[in-house]
Protein backbone atom coordinates (compact mmCIF):
# COMPACT_ATOMS: atom_id res chain seq x y z
CA UNK A 1 0.00 0.00 0.00
CA UNK A 2 1.45 3.33 -1.09
CA UNK A 3 -0.45 5.34 1.54
CA UNK A 4 -1.11 4.92 5.24
CA UNK A 5 -4.08 2.60 5.87
CA UNK A 6 -7.23 4.19 7.27
CA UNK A 7 -8.90 2.31 10.12
CA UNK A 8 -12.07 2.90 12.13
CA UNK A 9 -12.09 1.61 15.73
CA UNK A 10 -15.46 1.29 17.47
CA UNK A 11 -16.24 0.72 21.14
CA UNK A 12 -14.93 1.55 24.58
CA UNK A 13 -13.45 4.82 25.78
CA UNK A 14 -12.77 4.91 29.51
CA UNK A 15 -10.56 6.56 32.07
CA UNK A 16 -8.22 3.91 33.50
CA UNK A 17 -6.59 4.41 36.89
CA UNK A 18 -3.80 1.83 37.10
CA UNK A 19 -1.90 0.87 40.27
CA UNK A 20 1.19 -1.35 40.30
CA UNK A 21 1.48 -3.54 43.40
CA UNK A 22 3.84 -6.33 44.41
CA UNK A 23 0.86 -8.70 44.56
CA UNK A 24 -2.88 -8.47 44.04
CA UNK A 25 -4.94 -8.00 47.25
CA UNK A 26 -6.32 -11.15 48.87
CA UNK A 27 -8.69 -9.35 51.21
CA UNK A 28 -9.73 -6.01 52.66
CA UNK A 29 -7.11 -3.47 53.64
CA UNK A 30 -5.03 -0.51 52.51
CA UNK A 31 -2.40 -1.16 49.81
CA UNK A 32 0.34 1.29 48.78
CA UNK A 33 1.26 1.02 45.07
CA UNK A 34 4.80 1.25 43.77
CA UNK A 35 3.55 3.26 40.80
CA UNK A 36 0.30 4.67 39.43
CA UNK A 37 -0.93 6.25 36.22
CA UNK A 38 -4.23 7.55 34.85
CA UNK A 39 -5.07 7.71 31.14
CA UNK A 40 -7.71 7.45 28.43
CA UNK A 41 -8.15 3.80 27.54
CA UNK A 42 -10.71 1.09 26.81
CA UNK A 43 -10.53 -1.75 24.29
CA UNK A 44 -11.26 0.20 21.09
CA UNK A 45 -9.33 3.27 22.24
CA UNK A 46 -6.23 1.27 23.15
CA UNK A 47 -6.45 -0.57 19.81
CA UNK A 48 -6.77 2.80 18.07
CA UNK A 49 -3.60 3.99 19.81
CA UNK A 50 -1.76 0.86 18.70
CA UNK A 51 -2.89 1.25 15.08
CA UNK A 52 -1.95 4.94 15.09
CA UNK A 53 1.55 4.22 16.41
CA UNK A 54 1.92 1.51 13.74
CA UNK A 55 1.40 4.19 11.09
CA UNK A 56 -2.33 4.05 10.34
CA UNK A 57 -4.72 6.97 10.04
CA UNK A 58 -7.26 6.17 12.75
CA UNK A 59 -10.76 7.35 13.63
CA UNK A 60 -12.56 6.42 16.84
CA UNK A 61 -16.31 5.96 17.26
CA UNK A 62 -17.05 5.82 20.97
CA UNK A 63 -19.64 7.17 23.39
CA UNK A 64 -19.00 9.24 26.53
CA UNK A 65 -20.98 11.45 28.84
CA UNK A 66 -21.28 15.21 28.52
CA UNK A 67 -19.16 15.56 31.67
CA UNK A 68 -15.71 17.07 32.06
CA UNK A 69 -14.17 13.59 31.98
CA UNK A 70 -15.56 12.96 28.50
CA UNK A 71 -13.91 16.18 27.31
CA UNK A 72 -10.58 15.18 28.87
CA UNK A 73 -10.63 11.65 27.41
CA UNK A 74 -11.37 12.90 23.92
CA UNK A 75 -8.66 15.54 24.14
CA UNK A 76 -6.08 12.98 25.27
CA UNK A 77 -6.72 10.66 22.33
CA UNK A 78 -6.84 13.58 19.90
CA UNK A 79 -3.36 14.51 21.13
CA UNK A 80 -2.32 10.93 20.25
CA UNK A 81 -3.25 11.72 16.65
CA UNK A 82 -6.57 9.87 16.61
CA UNK A 83 -9.58 11.47 14.90
CA UNK A 84 -12.19 11.75 17.66
CA UNK A 85 -14.76 13.75 15.69
CA UNK A 86 -17.08 10.72 15.82
CA UNK A 87 -17.07 10.40 19.61
CA UNK A 88 -20.68 10.77 20.80
CA UNK A 89 -21.48 12.93 23.84
CA UNK A 90 -24.61 11.79 25.72
CA UNK A 91 -26.41 14.43 27.78
CA UNK A 92 -26.77 13.45 31.42
CA UNK A 93 -24.57 10.35 31.12
CA UNK A 94 -21.34 9.62 32.96
CA UNK A 95 -18.19 8.70 31.09
CA UNK A 96 -16.80 5.23 31.77
CA UNK A 97 -14.11 4.63 34.41
CA UNK A 98 -12.04 1.64 35.46
CA UNK A 99 -9.65 0.84 38.30
CA UNK A 100 -6.91 -1.68 37.50
CA UNK A 101 -4.45 -3.34 39.86
CA UNK A 102 -1.32 -4.85 38.26
CA UNK A 103 0.99 -7.21 40.18
CA UNK A 104 4.73 -7.88 39.88
CA UNK A 105 4.10 -10.66 37.32
CA UNK A 106 2.15 -8.30 35.07
CA UNK A 107 -1.25 -9.87 35.78
CA UNK A 108 -4.18 -7.61 36.57
CA UNK A 109 -7.50 -7.14 38.32
CA UNK A 110 -9.98 -4.82 36.55
CA UNK A 111 -13.08 -3.11 37.99
CA UNK A 112 -14.87 -1.13 35.22
CA UNK A 113 -18.01 0.99 35.32
CA UNK A 114 -20.07 1.79 32.22
CA UNK A 115 -23.10 4.07 32.51
CA UNK A 116 -25.89 2.33 30.52
CA UNK A 117 -27.07 5.74 29.31
CA UNK A 118 -23.80 6.20 27.41
CA UNK A 119 -24.06 2.89 25.56
CA UNK A 120 -27.59 3.19 24.17
CA UNK A 121 -27.70 2.10 20.50
CA UNK A 122 -26.84 4.81 17.95
CA UNK A 123 -29.28 5.74 15.20
CA UNK A 124 -26.84 5.50 12.31
CA UNK A 125 -23.21 5.04 11.35
CA UNK A 126 -21.64 8.55 11.29
CA UNK A 127 -18.90 7.62 8.80
CA UNK A 128 -18.71 6.97 5.07
CA UNK A 129 -16.70 3.75 5.10
CA UNK A 130 -15.76 3.93 1.43
CA UNK A 131 -12.58 5.75 2.42
CA UNK A 132 -11.54 3.21 5.08
CA UNK A 133 -9.42 0.08 4.71
CA UNK A 134 -10.65 -1.83 7.79
CA UNK A 135 -13.08 -1.58 10.70
CA UNK A 136 -12.28 -2.96 14.17
CA UNK A 137 -14.95 -3.18 16.86
CA UNK A 138 -15.01 -4.39 20.43
CA UNK A 139 -18.11 -5.62 22.32
CA UNK A 140 -18.58 -2.75 24.78
CA UNK A 141 -21.01 -0.73 22.58
CA UNK A 142 -22.91 -3.49 20.78
CA UNK A 143 -25.32 -1.34 18.79
CA UNK A 144 -22.50 0.66 17.26
CA UNK A 145 -20.41 -2.45 16.67
CA UNK A 146 -23.22 -4.10 14.68
CA UNK A 147 -23.70 -1.02 12.49
CA UNK A 148 -19.97 -0.65 11.87
CA UNK A 149 -19.42 -4.32 11.02
CA UNK A 150 -22.41 -4.33 8.68
CA UNK A 151 -21.14 -1.17 7.00
CA UNK A 152 -17.67 -2.63 6.58
CA UNK A 153 -19.01 -5.76 4.90
CA UNK A 154 -21.13 -3.62 2.58
CA UNK A 155 -18.04 -1.54 1.72
CA UNK A 156 -16.02 -4.70 1.02
CA UNK A 157 -13.40 -4.10 3.70
CA UNK A 158 -12.38 -6.26 6.69
CA UNK A 159 -14.97 -6.22 9.48
CA UNK A 160 -12.91 -7.29 12.50
CA UNK A 161 -14.64 -8.29 15.73
CA UNK A 162 -12.59 -8.27 18.94
CA UNK A 163 -14.45 -10.75 21.14
CA UNK A 164 -13.77 -10.37 24.84
CA UNK A 165 -15.70 -11.37 27.94
CA UNK A 166 -19.30 -10.14 27.76
CA UNK A 167 -22.81 -11.51 28.09
CA UNK A 168 -23.25 -14.40 25.70
CA UNK A 169 -26.26 -12.86 23.87
CA UNK A 170 -24.13 -9.84 22.96
CA UNK A 171 -21.41 -12.06 21.49
CA UNK A 172 -23.96 -14.21 19.66
CA UNK A 173 -25.60 -11.15 18.11
CA UNK A 174 -22.32 -9.72 16.80
CA UNK A 175 -20.77 -12.90 15.38
CA UNK A 176 -22.74 -12.94 12.09
CA UNK A 177 -21.62 -9.44 11.12
CA UNK A 178 -17.83 -10.04 11.14
CA UNK A 179 -15.47 -11.11 8.37
CA UNK A 180 -12.64 -11.67 10.87
CA UNK A 181 -13.13 -12.86 14.46
CA UNK A 182 -10.31 -12.56 17.00
CA UNK A 183 -11.35 -13.84 20.42
CA UNK A 184 -9.66 -14.03 23.78
CA UNK A 185 -9.49 -17.51 25.30
CA UNK A 186 -12.01 -16.66 28.09
CA UNK A 187 -14.45 -15.21 25.55
CA UNK A 188 -14.13 -18.28 23.36
CA UNK A 189 -15.03 -20.40 26.38
CA UNK A 190 -18.29 -18.44 26.80
CA UNK A 191 -19.28 -19.35 23.24
CA UNK A 192 -17.80 -22.85 22.93
CA UNK A 193 -17.56 -24.21 26.45
CA UNK A 194 -14.45 -25.63 28.08
CA UNK A 195 -12.83 -27.19 25.01
CA UNK A 196 -9.28 -27.11 23.65
CA UNK A 197 -8.36 -23.86 21.93
CA UNK A 198 -7.92 -25.59 18.57
CA UNK A 199 -11.40 -27.07 18.83
CA UNK A 200 -12.86 -23.68 19.73
CA UNK A 201 -11.31 -22.18 16.58
CA UNK A 202 -12.93 -24.92 14.48
CA UNK A 203 -16.28 -24.52 16.23
CA UNK A 204 -16.40 -20.76 15.70
CA UNK A 205 -15.43 -21.14 12.05
CA UNK A 206 -18.10 -23.81 11.52
CA UNK A 207 -20.70 -21.43 12.94
CA UNK A 208 -19.62 -18.33 11.00
CA UNK A 209 -17.65 -19.42 7.92
CA UNK A 210 -15.14 -16.57 8.42
CA UNK A 211 -11.55 -16.24 9.60
CA UNK A 212 -11.15 -17.10 13.28
CA UNK A 213 -8.24 -16.65 15.68
CA UNK A 214 -8.06 -17.12 19.44
CA UNK A 215 -5.39 -15.35 21.47
CA UNK A 216 -4.03 -17.22 24.49
CA UNK A 217 -1.67 -14.67 26.03
CA UNK A 218 1.85 -15.98 26.47
CA UNK A 219 0.81 -19.26 24.81
CA UNK A 220 0.43 -17.48 21.48
CA UNK A 221 -2.36 -17.38 18.89
CA UNK A 222 -4.33 -20.22 17.34
CA UNK A 223 -5.92 -19.53 13.96
CA UNK A 224 -7.53 -21.19 10.99
CA UNK A 225 -5.53 -21.11 7.75
CA UNK A 226 -8.10 -20.25 5.11
CA UNK A 227 -5.99 -21.78 2.33
CA UNK A 228 -5.60 -25.24 3.89
CA UNK A 229 -8.29 -25.38 6.58
CA UNK A 230 -5.63 -26.34 9.14
CA UNK A 231 -5.57 -24.88 12.65
CA UNK A 232 -2.20 -23.20 13.04
CA UNK A 233 -0.33 -21.88 16.06
CA UNK A 234 1.84 -18.77 16.15
CA UNK A 235 3.91 -18.64 19.37
CA UNK A 236 4.12 -15.40 21.34
CA UNK A 237 7.58 -13.86 21.78
CA UNK A 238 9.24 -14.99 25.01
CA UNK A 239 9.31 -12.07 27.44
CA UNK A 240 9.04 -11.32 31.14
CA UNK A 241 5.88 -9.20 31.37
CA UNK A 242 5.66 -6.04 33.42
CA UNK A 243 2.03 -5.18 32.62
CA UNK A 244 -0.33 -7.23 30.43
CA UNK A 245 -3.10 -4.60 30.51
CA UNK A 246 -4.11 -3.60 26.93
CA UNK A 247 -1.88 -6.29 25.36
CA UNK A 248 -4.90 -7.81 23.63
CA UNK A 249 -6.01 -4.39 22.39
CA UNK A 250 -2.55 -3.70 20.99
CA UNK A 251 -2.69 -7.08 19.25
CA UNK A 252 -6.05 -6.21 17.66
CA UNK A 253 -5.00 -2.74 16.54
CA UNK A 254 -1.81 -4.08 14.98
CA UNK A 255 -3.73 -6.99 13.43
CA UNK A 256 -6.06 -4.47 11.77
CA UNK A 257 -3.07 -2.62 10.33
CA UNK A 258 -1.67 -5.81 8.80
CA UNK A 259 -5.03 -6.70 7.24
CA UNK A 260 -5.52 -3.17 5.94
CA UNK A 261 -2.09 -3.25 4.32
CA UNK A 262 -2.90 -6.54 2.59
CA UNK A 263 -0.35 -8.76 4.34
CA UNK A 264 -0.73 -12.53 4.46
CA UNK A 265 -2.19 -13.87 7.70
CA UNK A 266 1.01 -15.38 9.08
CA UNK A 267 2.86 -12.08 8.76
CA UNK A 268 -0.09 -10.18 10.22
CA UNK A 269 -0.30 -12.39 13.31
CA UNK A 270 3.46 -12.39 13.89
CA UNK A 271 3.43 -8.59 13.68
CA UNK A 272 0.49 -8.27 16.08
CA UNK A 273 2.09 -10.75 18.50
CA UNK A 274 5.34 -8.79 18.54
CA UNK A 275 3.49 -5.53 19.21
CA UNK A 276 1.53 -7.10 22.08
CA UNK A 277 4.70 -8.54 23.61
CA UNK A 278 6.42 -5.16 23.49
CA UNK A 279 3.44 -3.54 25.22
CA UNK A 280 3.79 -6.05 28.06
CA UNK A 281 7.29 -4.76 28.77
CA UNK A 282 5.94 -1.35 29.83
CA UNK A 283 3.68 -0.35 32.71
CA UNK A 284 0.69 1.86 31.95
CA UNK A 285 -1.81 0.00 29.79
CA UNK A 286 -2.22 1.54 26.33
CA UNK A 287 0.65 3.96 26.97
CA UNK A 288 3.00 1.02 26.35
CA UNK A 289 1.82 0.47 22.76
CA UNK A 290 4.96 0.30 20.57
CA UNK A 291 5.81 2.14 17.38
CA UNK A 292 6.16 0.54 13.96
CA UNK A 293 9.95 0.85 14.21
CA UNK A 294 10.04 -0.93 17.58
CA UNK A 295 7.78 -3.73 16.39
CA UNK A 296 9.77 -4.30 13.20
CA UNK A 297 12.98 -4.39 15.22
CA UNK A 298 11.61 -7.13 17.49
CA UNK A 299 10.56 -9.19 14.46
CA UNK A 300 14.03 -8.82 13.01
CA UNK A 301 15.68 -9.80 16.28
CA UNK A 302 17.14 -6.38 16.95
CA UNK A 303 17.35 -4.71 20.38
CA UNK A 304 14.33 -2.51 21.11
């Protein structure tokens, strides 16, 4: 592709307050963090940041309240270089917030709050998708996700669904609209039950007929090769994680870039895996999303 790919990300925009502790709390008490940070985040917003840092032109369609926090979140992502003109402001609603605790091994505990008034279904898609190269949606604003995925399919561009933990009816409703499904292992278990990851990939493909991948954290990514029908495994880079928060979102944003640029699936997944691994080396959720140069260097075995 001779120009930067243009990607629309649809879904969550929250304020994350992240605390780094030696270990996650096991009961009530007061816990003093070693480090803390607060930033605009959420699945779609973190993916948008990743895609932007990988060189894409990115627009975000999200929904926030008409409070001061909504103004601050939008301004922060605009400063990242993301087009936030499509962010909806809902009168009387509160913008989403989340508190995240991260332990010394990089694992986390997340407590989010979404005001139902801010996630009411939109009336229409506020973008002409003919100028986009891919659409990526999460499951946090289902009505918008369905419209965006449908619009992407109509425009003949990848309609990528990031499936994470949510109520099963929401996941079931969104599945038919995607051309590419990338699910977390816990989300796949909601849809397929407690089966092996490879079997879950096959089950989701049998139900939808589209590309399916399941991310399994440090165990890598399992995906269906459309050319051969085989279930393949792409290992994750071996790292010692500092913070796994937003690693999946960085994977999805980088995956969307690879698809938009027309790469083959193996290259796309290796690229997304490298970007997610690099994010895990930095504390701060989406703030750790790497640049294109850093990701390419990891793939080439260079110091980053």
